[in-house]
Amino acid sequence: IAFNVSQPSTWQPYVDSMHHFLAAYDDKVQEEKN
């Protein structure tokens, strides 16, 4: 996992991946299903 803090383009893909993965863990989703 490599990125430069001053260059958002280097870390934004990691951030997008995290949001995509955690979509199933959204509080409202969990409250509705589980």
PDB file of all heavy atoms in Angstrom:
ATOM      1  N   ILE A   1       0.872  -1.170   0.000  1.00  0.00           N
ATOM      2  CA  ILE A   1       0.000   0.000   0.000  1.00  0.00           C
ATOM      3  C   ILE A   1       0.909   1.218   0.000  1.00  0.00           C
ATOM      4  O   ILE A   1       1.550   1.538   1.011  1.00  0.00           O
ATOM      5  CB  ILE A   1      -0.936  -0.018   1.217  1.00  0.00           C
ATOM      6  CG1 ILE A   1      -1.877  -1.224   1.104  1.00  0.00           C
ATOM      7  CG2 ILE A   1      -1.727   1.285   1.327  1.00  0.00           C
ATOM      8  CD1 ILE A   1      -2.794  -1.415   2.289  1.00  0.00           C
ATOM      9  N   ALA A   2       0.989   1.851  -1.153  1.00  0.00           N
ATOM     10  CA  ALA A   2       1.932   2.961  -1.339  1.00  0.00           C
ATOM     11  C   ALA A   2       1.199   4.188  -1.857  1.00  0.00           C
ATOM     12  O   ALA A   2       0.403   4.099  -2.798  1.00  0.00           O
ATOM     13  CB  ALA A   2       3.034   2.550  -2.311  1.00  0.00           C
ATOM     14  N   PHE A   3       1.460   5.338  -1.241  1.00  0.00           N
ATOM     15  CA  PHE A   3       0.839   6.584  -1.682  1.00  0.00           C
ATOM     16  C   PHE A   3       1.596   7.770  -1.109  1.00  0.00           C
ATOM     17  O   PHE A   3       2.389   7.632  -0.166  1.00  0.00           O
ATOM     18  CB  PHE A   3      -0.633   6.647  -1.242  1.00  0.00           C
ATOM     19  CG  PHE A   3      -0.843   6.631   0.243  1.00  0.00           C
ATOM     20  CD1 PHE A   3      -0.966   7.810   0.971  1.00  0.00           C
ATOM     21  CD2 PHE A   3      -0.910   5.427   0.944  1.00  0.00           C
ATOM     22  CE1 PHE A   3      -1.152   7.796   2.342  1.00  0.00           C
ATOM     23  CE2 PHE A   3      -1.102   5.396   2.324  1.00  0.00           C
ATOM     24  CZ  PHE A   3      -1.227   6.588   3.019  1.00  0.00           C
ATOM     25  N   ASN A   4       1.364   8.936  -1.700  1.00  0.00           N
ATOM     26  CA  ASN A   4       1.908  10.199  -1.210  1.00  0.00           C
ATOM     27  C   ASN A   4       0.759  11.061  -0.694  1.00  0.00           C
ATOM     28  O   ASN A   4      -0.221  11.282  -1.414  1.00  0.00           O
ATOM     29  CB  ASN A   4       2.655  10.948  -2.317  1.00  0.00           C
ATOM     30  CG  ASN A   4       3.910  10.216  -2.753  1.00  0.00           C
ATOM     31  OD1 ASN A   4       4.629   9.647  -1.930  1.00  0.00           O
ATOM     32  ND2 ASN A   4       4.169  10.217  -4.052  1.00  0.00           N
ATOM     33  N   VAL A   5       0.895  11.523   0.525  1.00  0.00           N
ATOM     34  CA  VAL A   5      -0.171  12.297   1.154  1.00  0.00           C
ATOM     35  C   VAL A   5      -0.540  13.525   0.314  1.00  0.00           C
ATOM     36  O   VAL A   5      -1.718  13.868   0.167  1.00  0.00           O
ATOM     37  CB  VAL A   5       0.250  12.727   2.573  1.00  0.00           C
ATOM     38  CG1 VAL A   5      -0.812  13.626   3.208  1.00  0.00           C
ATOM     39  CG2 VAL A   5       0.485  11.494   3.448  1.00  0.00           C
ATOM     40  N   SER A   6       0.465  14.173  -0.272  1.00  0.00           N
ATOM     41  CA  SER A   6       0.236  15.408  -1.020  1.00  0.00           C
ATOM     42  C   SER A   6      -0.338  15.178  -2.416  1.00  0.00           C
ATOM     43  O   SER A   6      -0.659  16.131  -3.124  1.00  0.00           O
ATOM     44  CB  SER A   6       1.537  16.202  -1.135  1.00  0.00           C
ATOM     45  OG  SER A   6       2.523  15.439  -1.811  1.00  0.00           O
ATOM     46  N   GLN A   7      -0.481  13.924  -2.823  1.00  0.00           N
ATOM     47  CA  GLN A   7      -1.016  13.597  -4.135  1.00  0.00           C
ATOM     48  C   GLN A   7      -2.263  12.717  -3.982  1.00  0.00           C
ATOM     49  O   GLN A   7      -2.162  11.484  -3.938  1.00  0.00           O
ATOM     50  CB  GLN A   7       0.031  12.869  -4.978  1.00  0.00           C
ATOM     51  CG  GLN A   7       1.268  13.703  -5.280  1.00  0.00           C
ATOM     52  CD  GLN A   7       2.305  12.900  -6.050  1.00  0.00           C
ATOM     53  OE1 GLN A   7       3.003  12.047  -5.500  1.00  0.00           O
ATOM     54  NE2 GLN A   7       2.404  13.165  -7.345  1.00  0.00           N
ATOM     55  N   PRO A   8      -3.443  13.325  -3.909  1.00  0.00           N
ATOM     56  CA  PRO A   8      -4.682  12.562  -3.711  1.00  0.00           C
ATOM     57  C   PRO A   8      -4.897  11.448  -4.736  1.00  0.00           C
ATOM     58  O   PRO A   8      -5.508  10.412  -4.407  1.00  0.00           O
ATOM     59  CB  PRO A   8      -5.772  13.636  -3.830  1.00  0.00           C
ATOM     60  CG  PRO A   8      -5.092  14.896  -3.402  1.00  0.00           C
ATOM     61  CD  PRO A   8      -3.689  14.774  -3.916  1.00  0.00           C
ATOM     62  N   SER A   9      -4.395  11.624  -5.939  1.00  0.00           N
ATOM     63  CA  SER A   9      -4.595  10.594  -6.963  1.00  0.00           C
ATOM     64  C   SER A   9      -3.924   9.280  -6.594  1.00  0.00           C
ATOM     65  O   SER A   9      -4.306   8.218  -7.101  1.00  0.00           O
ATOM     66  CB  SER A   9      -4.054  11.080  -8.307  1.00  0.00           C
ATOM     67  OG  SER A   9      -2.657  11.330  -8.241  1.00  0.00           O
ATOM     68  N   THR A  10      -2.933   9.332  -5.700  1.00  0.00           N
ATOM     69  CA  THR A  10      -2.219   8.110  -5.313  1.00  0.00           C
ATOM     70  C   THR A  10      -2.944   7.337  -4.218  1.00  0.00           C
ATOM     71  O   THR A  10      -2.744   6.126  -4.077  1.00  0.00           O
ATOM     72  CB  THR A  10      -0.787   8.422  -4.843  1.00  0.00           C
ATOM     73  OG1 THR A  10      -0.835   9.263  -3.668  1.00  0.00           O
ATOM     74  CG2 THR A  10      -0.001   9.128  -5.939  1.00  0.00           C
ATOM     75  N   TRP A  11      -3.769   8.043  -3.412  1.00  0.00           N
ATOM     76  CA  TRP A  11      -4.481   7.335  -2.349  1.00  0.00           C
ATOM     77  C   TRP A  11      -5.982   7.226  -2.565  1.00  0.00           C
ATOM     78  O   TRP A  11      -6.654   6.417  -1.893  1.00  0.00           O
ATOM     79  CB  TRP A  11      -4.201   7.949  -0.979  1.00  0.00           C
ATOM     80  CG  TRP A  11      -4.328   9.440  -0.813  1.00  0.00           C
ATOM     81  CD1 TRP A  11      -3.311  10.343  -0.762  1.00  0.00           C
ATOM     82  CD2 TRP A  11      -5.540  10.215  -0.656  1.00  0.00           C
ATOM     83  NE1 TRP A  11      -3.794  11.625  -0.585  1.00  0.00           N
ATOM     84  CE2 TRP A  11      -5.165  11.573  -0.508  1.00  0.00           C
ATOM     85  CE3 TRP A  11      -6.884   9.888  -0.603  1.00  0.00           C
ATOM     86  CZ2 TRP A  11      -6.085  12.604  -0.330  1.00  0.00           C
ATOM     87  CZ3 TRP A  11      -7.818  10.909  -0.435  1.00  0.00           C
ATOM     88  CH2 TRP A  11      -7.417  12.252  -0.299  1.00  0.00           C
ATOM     89  N   GLN A  12      -6.539   7.957  -3.513  1.00  0.00           N
ATOM     90  CA  GLN A  12      -7.984   7.890  -3.737  1.00  0.00           C
ATOM     91  C   GLN A  12      -8.478   6.493  -4.121  1.00  0.00           C
ATOM     92  O   GLN A  12      -9.551   6.061  -3.657  1.00  0.00           O
ATOM     93  CB  GLN A  12      -8.395   8.906  -4.811  1.00  0.00           C
ATOM     94  CG  GLN A  12      -9.912   9.093  -4.928  1.00  0.00           C
ATOM     95  CD  GLN A  12     -10.507   9.668  -3.653  1.00  0.00           C
ATOM     96  OE1 GLN A  12     -10.013  10.646  -3.109  1.00  0.00           O
ATOM     97  NE2 GLN A  12     -11.582   9.037  -3.170  1.00  0.00           N
ATOM     98  N   PRO A  13      -7.730   5.722  -4.939  1.00  0.00           N
ATOM     99  CA  PRO A  13      -8.203   4.360  -5.237  1.00  0.00           C
ATOM    100  C   PRO A  13      -8.365   3.484  -4.002  1.00  0.00           C
ATOM    101  O   PRO A  13      -9.292   2.665  -3.938  1.00  0.00           O
ATOM    102  CB  PRO A  13      -7.106   3.810  -6.163  1.00  0.00           C
ATOM    103  CG  PRO A  13      -6.534   5.025  -6.810  1.00  0.00           C
ATOM    104  CD  PRO A  13      -6.546   6.084  -5.748  1.00  0.00           C
ATOM    105  N   TYR A  14      -7.487   3.645  -3.021  1.00  0.00           N
ATOM    106  CA  TYR A  14      -7.637   2.887  -1.771  1.00  0.00           C
ATOM    107  C   TYR A  14      -8.908   3.306  -1.038  1.00  0.00           C
ATOM    108  O   TYR A  14      -9.648   2.461  -0.519  1.00  0.00           O
ATOM    109  CB  TYR A  14      -6.421   3.105  -0.870  1.00  0.00           C
ATOM    110  CG  TYR A  14      -5.117   2.624  -1.441  1.00  0.00           C
ATOM    111  CD1 TYR A  14      -4.087   3.511  -1.744  1.00  0.00           C
ATOM    112  CD2 TYR A  14      -4.900   1.264  -1.680  1.00  0.00           C
ATOM    113  CE1 TYR A  14      -2.881   3.074  -2.277  1.00  0.00           C
ATOM    114  CE2 TYR A  14      -3.690   0.812  -2.208  1.00  0.00           C
ATOM    115  CZ  TYR A  14      -2.692   1.727  -2.507  1.00  0.00           C
ATOM    116  OH  TYR A  14      -1.500   1.279  -3.036  1.00  0.00           O
ATOM    117  N   VAL A  15      -9.157   4.597  -1.002  1.00  0.00           N
ATOM    118  CA  VAL A  15     -10.347   5.129  -0.331  1.00  0.00           C
ATOM    119  C   VAL A  15     -11.616   4.625  -1.013  1.00  0.00           C
ATOM    120  O   VAL A  15     -12.562   4.175  -0.355  1.00  0.00           O
ATOM    121  CB  VAL A  15     -10.307   6.671  -0.315  1.00  0.00           C
ATOM    122  CG1 VAL A  15     -11.633   7.237   0.186  1.00  0.00           C
ATOM    123  CG2 VAL A  15      -9.151   7.168   0.558  1.00  0.00           C
ATOM    124  N   ASP A  16     -11.635   4.681  -2.341  1.00  0.00           N
ATOM    125  CA  ASP A  16     -12.809   4.204  -3.087  1.00  0.00           C
ATOM    126  C   ASP A  16     -13.051   2.719  -2.832  1.00  0.00           C
ATOM    127  O   ASP A  16     -14.201   2.274  -2.680  1.00  0.00           O
ATOM    128  CB  ASP A  16     -12.613   4.446  -4.589  1.00  0.00           C
ATOM    129  CG  ASP A  16     -12.596   5.925  -4.944  1.00  0.00           C
ATOM    130  OD1 ASP A  16     -13.072   6.739  -4.121  1.00  0.00           O
ATOM    131  OD2 ASP A  16     -12.098   6.259  -6.044  1.00  0.00           O
ATOM    132  N   SER A  17     -11.983   1.938  -2.781  1.00  0.00           N
ATOM    133  CA  SER A  17     -12.095   0.507  -2.515  1.00  0.00           C
ATOM    134  C   SER A  17     -12.686   0.247  -1.133  1.00  0.00           C
ATOM    135  O   SER A  17     -13.526  -0.646  -0.960  1.00  0.00           O
ATOM    136  CB  SER A  17     -10.720  -0.151  -2.641  1.00  0.00           C
ATOM    137  OG  SER A  17     -10.782  -1.520  -2.279  1.00  0.00           O
ATOM    138  N   MET A  18     -12.269   1.024  -0.163  1.00  0.00           N
ATOM    139  CA  MET A  18     -12.781   0.872   1.203  1.00  0.00           C
ATOM    140  C   MET A  18     -14.268   1.180   1.268  1.00  0.00           C
ATOM    141  O   MET A  18     -15.052   0.444   1.886  1.00  0.00           O
ATOM    142  CB  MET A  18     -12.002   1.779   2.146  1.00  0.00           C
ATOM    143  CG  MET A  18     -10.548   1.400   2.332  1.00  0.00           C
ATOM    144  SD  MET A  18     -10.301   0.063   3.523  1.00  0.00           S
ATOM    145  CE  MET A  18     -10.292   1.009   5.050  1.00  0.00           C
ATOM    146  N   HIS A  19     -14.699   2.268   0.646  1.00  0.00           N
ATOM    147  CA  HIS A  19     -16.123   2.631   0.651  1.00  0.00           C
ATOM    148  C   HIS A  19     -16.958   1.555  -0.040  1.00  0.00           C
ATOM    149  O   HIS A  19     -18.041   1.201   0.429  1.00  0.00           O
ATOM    150  CB  HIS A  19     -16.331   3.985  -0.029  1.00  0.00           C
ATOM    151  CG  HIS A  19     -16.042   5.156   0.855  1.00  0.00           C
ATOM    152  ND1 HIS A  19     -16.785   5.436   1.996  1.00  0.00           N
ATOM    153  CD2 HIS A  19     -15.087   6.131   0.783  1.00  0.00           C
ATOM    154  CE1 HIS A  19     -16.309   6.525   2.577  1.00  0.00           C
ATOM    155  NE2 HIS A  19     -15.279   6.956   1.868  1.00  0.00           N
ATOM    156  N   HIS A  20     -16.447   1.034  -1.149  1.00  0.00           N
ATOM    157  CA  HIS A  20     -17.171  -0.011  -1.876  1.00  0.00           C
ATOM    158  C   HIS A  20     -17.316  -1.263  -1.006  1.00  0.00           C
ATOM    159  O   HIS A  20     -18.400  -1.858  -0.926  1.00  0.00           O
ATOM    160  CB  HIS A  20     -16.431  -0.339  -3.173  1.00  0.00           C
ATOM    161  CG  HIS A  20     -17.070  -1.446  -3.959  1.00  0.00           C
ATOM    162  ND1 HIS A  20     -18.223  -1.271  -4.691  1.00  0.00           N
ATOM    163  CD2 HIS A  20     -16.715  -2.755  -4.124  1.00  0.00           C
ATOM    164  CE1 HIS A  20     -18.560  -2.411  -5.264  1.00  0.00           C
ATOM    165  NE2 HIS A  20     -17.655  -3.322  -4.940  1.00  0.00           N
ATOM    166  N   PHE A  21     -16.233  -1.655  -0.358  1.00  0.00           N
ATOM    167  CA  PHE A  21     -16.261  -2.858   0.479  1.00  0.00           C
ATOM    168  C   PHE A  21     -17.206  -2.693   1.672  1.00  0.00           C
ATOM    169  O   PHE A  21     -17.927  -3.626   2.044  1.00  0.00           O
ATOM    170  CB  PHE A  21     -14.849  -3.171   0.964  1.00  0.00           C
ATOM    171  CG  PHE A  21     -14.780  -4.341   1.908  1.00  0.00           C
ATOM    172  CD1 PHE A  21     -14.946  -5.639   1.449  1.00  0.00           C
ATOM    173  CD2 PHE A  21     -14.551  -4.139   3.267  1.00  0.00           C
ATOM    174  CE1 PHE A  21     -14.889  -6.719   2.320  1.00  0.00           C
ATOM    175  CE2 PHE A  21     -14.491  -5.209   4.138  1.00  0.00           C
ATOM    176  CZ  PHE A  21     -14.660  -6.503   3.666  1.00  0.00           C
ATOM    177  N   LEU A  22     -17.218  -1.507   2.265  1.00  0.00           N
ATOM    178  CA  LEU A  22     -18.000  -1.284   3.480  1.00  0.00           C
ATOM    179  C   LEU A  22     -19.469  -0.947   3.217  1.00  0.00           C
ATOM    180  O   LEU A  22     -20.242  -0.782   4.166  1.00  0.00           O
ATOM    181  CB  LEU A  22     -17.370  -0.171   4.321  1.00  0.00           C
ATOM    182  CG  LEU A  22     -16.070  -0.551   5.046  1.00  0.00           C
ATOM    183  CD1 LEU A  22     -15.457   0.667   5.724  1.00  0.00           C
ATOM    184  CD2 LEU A  22     -16.331  -1.653   6.078  1.00  0.00           C
ATOM    185  N   ALA A  23     -19.870  -0.859   1.952  1.00  0.00           N
ATOM    186  CA  ALA A  23     -21.263  -0.535   1.643  1.00  0.00           C
ATOM    187  C   ALA A  23     -22.222  -1.537   2.291  1.00  0.00           C
ATOM    188  O   ALA A  23     -23.294  -1.161   2.795  1.00  0.00           O
ATOM    189  CB  ALA A  23     -21.471  -0.499   0.130  1.00  0.00           C
ATOM    190  N   ALA A  24     -21.843  -2.803   2.316  1.00  0.00           N
ATOM    191  CA  ALA A  24     -22.699  -3.837   2.914  1.00  0.00           C
ATOM    192  C   ALA A  24     -22.763  -3.725   4.428  1.00  0.00           C
ATOM    193  O   ALA A  24     -23.630  -4.348   5.066  1.00  0.00           O
ATOM    194  CB  ALA A  24     -22.187  -5.218   2.515  1.00  0.00           C
ATOM    195  N   TYR A  25     -21.857  -2.936   5.006  1.00  0.00           N
ATOM    196  CA  TYR A  25     -21.806  -2.770   6.458  1.00  0.00           C
ATOM    197  C   TYR A  25     -22.477  -1.472   6.918  1.00  0.00           C
ATOM    198  O   TYR A  25     -22.445  -1.164   8.110  1.00  0.00           O
ATOM    199  CB  TYR A  25     -20.353  -2.782   6.935  1.00  0.00           C
ATOM    200  CG  TYR A  25     -19.659  -4.124   6.794  1.00  0.00           C
ATOM    201  CD1 TYR A  25     -19.050  -4.488   5.600  1.00  0.00           C
ATOM    202  CD2 TYR A  25     -19.610  -5.020   7.859  1.00  0.00           C
ATOM    203  CE1 TYR A  25     -18.404  -5.705   5.465  1.00  0.00           C
ATOM    204  CE2 TYR A  25     -18.962  -6.240   7.738  1.00  0.00           C
ATOM    205  CZ  TYR A  25     -18.361  -6.587   6.540  1.00  0.00           C
ATOM    206  OH  TYR A  25     -17.738  -7.802   6.419  1.00  0.00           O
ATOM    207  N   ASP A  26     -23.043  -0.709   5.992  1.00  0.00           N
ATOM    208  CA  ASP A  26     -23.727   0.523   6.385  1.00  0.00           C
ATOM    209  C   ASP A  26     -24.723   0.229   7.493  1.00  0.00           C
ATOM    210  O   ASP A  26     -25.439  -0.792   7.453  1.00  0.00           O
ATOM    211  CB  ASP A  26     -24.454   1.139   5.184  1.00  0.00           C
ATOM    212  CG  ASP A  26     -23.502   1.854   4.239  1.00  0.00           C
ATOM    213  OD1 ASP A  26     -22.349   2.108   4.637  1.00  0.00           O
ATOM    214  OD2 ASP A  26     -23.913   2.158   3.104  1.00  0.00           O
ATOM    215  N   ASP A  27     -24.801   1.108   8.456  1.00  0.00           N
ATOM    216  CA  ASP A  27     -25.660   0.871   9.617  1.00  0.00           C
ATOM    217  C   ASP A  27     -27.097   0.564   9.224  1.00  0.00           C
ATOM    218  O   ASP A  27     -27.727  -0.361   9.761  1.00  0.00           O
ATOM    219  CB  ASP A  27     -25.611   2.079  10.551  1.00  0.00           C
ATOM    220  CG  ASP A  27     -24.280   2.181  11.285  1.00  0.00           C
ATOM    221  OD1 ASP A  27     -23.281   1.602  10.803  1.00  0.00           O
ATOM    222  OD2 ASP A  27     -24.233   2.829  12.349  1.00  0.00           O
ATOM    223  N   LYS A  28     -27.648   1.327   8.284  1.00  0.00           N
ATOM    224  CA  LYS A  28     -29.045   1.120   7.873  1.00  0.00           C
ATOM    225  C   LYS A  28     -29.229  -0.232   7.209  1.00  0.00           C
ATOM    226  O   LYS A  28     -30.234  -0.919   7.421  1.00  0.00           O
ATOM    227  CB  LYS A  28     -29.483   2.233   6.929  1.00  0.00           C
ATOM    228  CG  LYS A  28     -29.684   3.578   7.619  1.00  0.00           C
ATOM    229  CD  LYS A  28     -30.226   4.621   6.653  1.00  0.00           C
ATOM    230  CE  LYS A  28     -30.458   5.951   7.362  1.00  0.00           C
ATOM    231  NZ  LYS A  28     -30.986   6.989   6.428  1.00  0.00           N
ATOM    232  N   VAL A  29     -28.260  -0.637   6.398  1.00  0.00           N
ATOM    233  CA  VAL A  29     -28.325  -1.945   5.737  1.00  0.00           C
ATOM    234  C   VAL A  29     -28.332  -3.062   6.768  1.00  0.00           C
ATOM    235  O   VAL A  29     -29.120  -4.010   6.688  1.00  0.00           O
ATOM    236  CB  VAL A  29     -27.149  -2.121   4.757  1.00  0.00           C
ATOM    237  CG1 VAL A  29     -27.106  -3.544   4.194  1.00  0.00           C
ATOM    238  CG2 VAL A  29     -27.239  -1.112   3.627  1.00  0.00           C
ATOM    239  N   GLN A  30     -27.449  -2.956   7.747  1.00  0.00           N
ATOM    240  CA  GLN A  30     -27.362  -3.982   8.788  1.00  0.00           C
ATOM    241  C   GLN A  30     -28.625  -4.026   9.645  1.00  0.00           C
ATOM    242  O   GLN A  30     -29.100  -5.101  10.017  1.00  0.00           O
ATOM    243  CB  GLN A  30     -26.137  -3.725   9.665  1.00  0.00           C
ATOM    244  CG  GLN A  30     -24.811  -4.023   8.975  1.00  0.00           C
ATOM    245  CD  GLN A  30     -24.611  -5.496   8.710  1.00  0.00           C
ATOM    246  OE1 GLN A  30     -24.801  -6.340   9.576  1.00  0.00           O
ATOM    247  NE2 GLN A  30     -24.247  -5.828   7.475  1.00  0.00           N
ATOM    248  N   GLU A  31     -29.181  -2.866   9.965  1.00  0.00           N
ATOM    249  CA  GLU A  31     -30.398  -2.825  10.775  1.00  0.00           C
ATOM    250  C   GLU A  31     -31.582  -3.445  10.051  1.00  0.00           C
ATOM    251  O   GLU A  31     -32.459  -4.061  10.670  1.00  0.00           O
ATOM    252  CB  GLU A  31     -30.710  -1.376  11.161  1.00  0.00           C
ATOM    253  CG  GLU A  31     -29.734  -0.806  12.183  1.00  0.00           C
ATOM    254  CD  GLU A  31     -29.871   0.705  12.339  1.00  0.00           C
ATOM    255  OE1 GLU A  31     -30.739   1.299  11.649  1.00  0.00           O
ATOM    256  OE2 GLU A  31     -29.121   1.288  13.138  1.00  0.00           O
ATOM    257  N   GLU A  32     -31.615  -3.295   8.724  1.00  0.00           N
ATOM    258  CA  GLU A  32     -32.717  -3.848   7.936  1.00  0.00           C
ATOM    259  C   GLU A  32     -32.601  -5.359   7.754  1.00  0.00           C
ATOM    260  O   GLU A  32     -33.603  -6.077   7.789  1.00  0.00           O
ATOM    261  CB  GLU A  32     -32.761  -3.175   6.559  1.00  0.00           C
ATOM    262  CG  GLU A  32     -33.216  -1.720   6.591  1.00  0.00           C
ATOM    263  CD  GLU A  32     -33.099  -1.057   5.223  1.00  0.00           C
ATOM    264  OE1 GLU A  32     -32.668  -1.737   4.260  1.00  0.00           O
ATOM    265  OE2 GLU A  32     -33.428   0.137   5.122  1.00  0.00           O
ATOM    266  N   LYS A  33     -31.377  -5.855   7.579  1.00  0.00           N
ATOM    267  CA  LYS A  33     -31.191  -7.259   7.221  1.00  0.00           C
ATOM    268  C   LYS A  33     -30.884  -8.175   8.402  1.00  0.00           C
ATOM    269  O   LYS A  33     -31.257  -9.352   8.382  1.00  0.00           O
ATOM    270  CB  LYS A  33     -30.059  -7.381   6.195  1.00  0.00           C
ATOM    271  CG  LYS A  33     -30.392  -6.799   4.826  1.00  0.00           C
ATOM    272  CD  LYS A  33     -29.266  -7.097   3.843  1.00  0.00           C
ATOM    273  CE  LYS A  33     -29.624  -6.645   2.434  1.00  0.00           C
ATOM    274  NZ  LYS A  33     -28.549  -6.969   1.458  1.00  0.00           N
ATOM    275  N   ASN A  34     -30.192  -7.639   9.410  1.00  0.00           N
ATOM    276  CA  ASN A  34     -29.672  -8.502  10.462  1.00  0.00           C
ATOM    277  C   ASN A  34     -30.194  -8.112  11.844  1.00  0.00           C
ATOM    278  O   ASN A  34     -30.841  -7.082  12.016  1.00  0.00           O
ATOM    279  CB  ASN A  34     -28.143  -8.494  10.430  1.00  0.00           C
ATOM    280  CG  ASN A  34     -27.607  -9.095   9.142  1.00  0.00           C
ATOM    281  OD1 ASN A  34     -28.251  -9.944   8.532  1.00  0.00           O
ATOM    282  ND2 ASN A  34     -26.438  -8.648   8.710  1.00  0.00           N
TER     283      ASN A  34
END
